[in-house]
Amino acid sequence: MRTVTAQLPDEMAEGLDAVAEAEGRSKAWLIRQAVADFLAKQHELERLTLEGLESARSGELVEHADVMAELDQWGS
């Protein structure tokens, strides 16, 4: 395991302290969880972006009007 140092704004550091105490977890554990969650989301975003680009390259596109009609249905 490696050590990484980061400076946090006071409010963020105070929030981290409060959550660590409330949850009975170390600040290091909370930071590891936050970074792991962030990295997982970034990897999923990259995967979906590449999937979308491949779909576009192969001609699998949806017309704007069709997308808007679908979104309109979500609101009802």
C-alpha atoms as a PDB file:
ATOM      1  CA  MET A   1       0.000   0.000   0.000  1.00  0.00           C
ATOM      2  CA  ARG A   2       1.206   3.542  -0.752  1.00  0.00           C
ATOM      3  CA  THR A   3       0.696   6.750   1.161  1.00  0.00           C
ATOM      4  CA  VAL A   4      -0.832   9.693  -0.675  1.00  0.00           C
ATOM      5  CA  THR A   5      -1.061  13.164   0.821  1.00  0.00           C
ATOM      6  CA  ALA A   6      -3.783  15.653  -0.080  1.00  0.00           C
ATOM      7  CA  GLN A   7      -4.795  19.006   1.310  1.00  0.00           C
ATOM      8  CA  LEU A   8      -8.502  19.481   2.005  1.00  0.00           C
ATOM      9  CA  PRO A   9     -10.458  22.664   2.588  1.00  0.00           C
ATOM     10  CA  ASP A  10     -11.253  23.123   6.285  1.00  0.00           C
ATOM     11  CA  GLU A  11     -14.958  22.390   5.832  1.00  0.00           C
ATOM     12  CA  MET A  12     -14.234  19.146   3.984  1.00  0.00           C
ATOM     13  CA  ALA A  13     -11.704  18.030   6.611  1.00  0.00           C
ATOM     14  CA  GLU A  14     -14.177  18.829   9.395  1.00  0.00           C
ATOM     15  CA  GLY A  15     -16.869  16.855   7.573  1.00  0.00           C
ATOM     16  CA  LEU A  16     -14.479  13.935   7.205  1.00  0.00           C
ATOM     17  CA  ASP A  17     -13.678  14.077  10.923  1.00  0.00           C
ATOM     18  CA  ALA A  18     -17.382  14.094  11.805  1.00  0.00           C
ATOM     19  CA  VAL A  19     -18.280  11.169   9.541  1.00  0.00           C
ATOM     20  CA  ALA A  20     -15.295   9.131  10.718  1.00  0.00           C
ATOM     21  CA  GLU A  21     -16.322   9.615  14.330  1.00  0.00           C
ATOM     22  CA  ALA A  22     -20.021   8.956  13.666  1.00  0.00           C
ATOM     23  CA  GLU A  23     -19.319   5.806  11.653  1.00  0.00           C
ATOM     24  CA  GLY A  24     -16.540   4.510  13.865  1.00  0.00           C
ATOM     25  CA  ARG A  25     -14.197   4.392  10.872  1.00  0.00           C
ATOM     26  CA  SER A  26     -10.790   5.882  10.313  1.00  0.00           C
ATOM     27  CA  LYS A  27     -10.404   8.861   8.025  1.00  0.00           C
ATOM     28  CA  ALA A  28      -8.046   6.746   5.922  1.00  0.00           C
ATOM     29  CA  TRP A  29     -10.766   4.096   5.458  1.00  0.00           C
ATOM     30  CA  LEU A  30     -13.310   6.726   4.385  1.00  0.00           C
ATOM     31  CA  ILE A  31     -10.857   8.285   1.943  1.00  0.00           C
ATOM     32  CA  ARG A  32     -10.001   4.865   0.451  1.00  0.00           C
ATOM     33  CA  GLN A  33     -13.717   4.156  -0.006  1.00  0.00           C
ATOM     34  CA  ALA A  34     -14.311   7.545  -1.622  1.00  0.00           C
ATOM     35  CA  VAL A  35     -11.400   7.098  -4.041  1.00  0.00           C
ATOM     36  CA  ALA A  36     -12.476   3.525  -4.867  1.00  0.00           C
ATOM     37  CA  ASP A  37     -16.023   4.717  -5.601  1.00  0.00           C
ATOM     38  CA  PHE A  38     -14.739   7.589  -7.739  1.00  0.00           C
ATOM     39  CA  LEU A  39     -12.431   5.322  -9.737  1.00  0.00           C
ATOM     40  CA  ALA A  40     -15.201   2.764 -10.309  1.00  0.00           C
ATOM     41  CA  LYS A  41     -17.493   5.513 -11.623  1.00  0.00           C
ATOM     42  CA  GLN A  42     -14.745   6.862 -13.868  1.00  0.00           C
ATOM     43  CA  HIS A  43     -14.047   3.400 -15.300  1.00  0.00           C
ATOM     44  CA  GLU A  44     -17.764   2.868 -15.955  1.00  0.00           C
ATOM     45  CA  LEU A  45     -18.025   6.277 -17.628  1.00  0.00           C
ATOM     46  CA  GLU A  46     -15.055   5.421 -19.844  1.00  0.00           C
ATOM     47  CA  ARG A  47     -16.569   2.033 -20.725  1.00  0.00           C
ATOM     48  CA  LEU A  48     -19.940   3.554 -21.601  1.00  0.00           C
ATOM     49  CA  THR A  49     -18.306   6.326 -23.636  1.00  0.00           C
ATOM     50  CA  LEU A  50     -16.303   3.817 -25.669  1.00  0.00           C
ATOM     51  CA  GLU A  51     -19.423   1.679 -26.125  1.00  0.00           C
ATOM     52  CA  GLY A  52     -21.347   4.721 -27.349  1.00  0.00           C
ATOM     53  CA  LEU A  53     -18.605   5.717 -29.758  1.00  0.00           C
ATOM     54  CA  GLU A  54     -18.492   2.198 -31.172  1.00  0.00           C
ATOM     55  CA  SER A  55     -22.272   2.230 -31.604  1.00  0.00           C
ATOM     56  CA  ALA A  56     -22.062   5.558 -33.418  1.00  0.00           C
ATOM     57  CA  ARG A  57     -19.277   4.277 -35.681  1.00  0.00           C
ATOM     58  CA  SER A  58     -21.410   1.286 -36.625  1.00  0.00           C
ATOM     59  CA  GLY A  59     -24.382   3.523 -37.423  1.00  0.00           C
ATOM     60  CA  GLU A  60     -26.456   2.732 -34.357  1.00  0.00           C
ATOM     61  CA  LEU A  61     -27.819   6.242 -33.861  1.00  0.00           C
ATOM     62  CA  VAL A  62     -31.110   7.599 -32.545  1.00  0.00           C
ATOM     63  CA  GLU A  63     -32.718  10.698 -34.003  1.00  0.00           C
ATOM     64  CA  HIS A  64     -32.940  13.699 -31.677  1.00  0.00           C
ATOM     65  CA  ALA A  65     -36.735  13.868 -32.027  1.00  0.00           C
ATOM     66  CA  ASP A  66     -37.014  10.217 -30.952  1.00  0.00           C
ATOM     67  CA  VAL A  67     -34.882  10.861 -27.870  1.00  0.00           C
ATOM     68  CA  MET A  68     -36.971  13.905 -26.941  1.00  0.00           C
ATOM     69  CA  ALA A  69     -40.207  11.949 -27.383  1.00  0.00           C
ATOM     70  CA  GLU A  70     -38.873   9.217 -25.082  1.00  0.00           C
ATOM     71  CA  LEU A  71     -37.817  11.770 -22.480  1.00  0.00           C
ATOM     72  CA  ASP A  72     -41.251  13.408 -22.631  1.00  0.00           C
ATOM     73  CA  GLN A  73     -42.777  10.053 -21.714  1.00  0.00           C
ATOM     74  CA  TRP A  74     -40.565   9.789 -18.639  1.00  0.00           C
ATOM     75  CA  GLY A  75     -42.141  12.941 -17.203  1.00  0.00           C
ATOM     76  CA  SER A  76     -45.652  11.555 -17.309  1.00  0.00           C
END
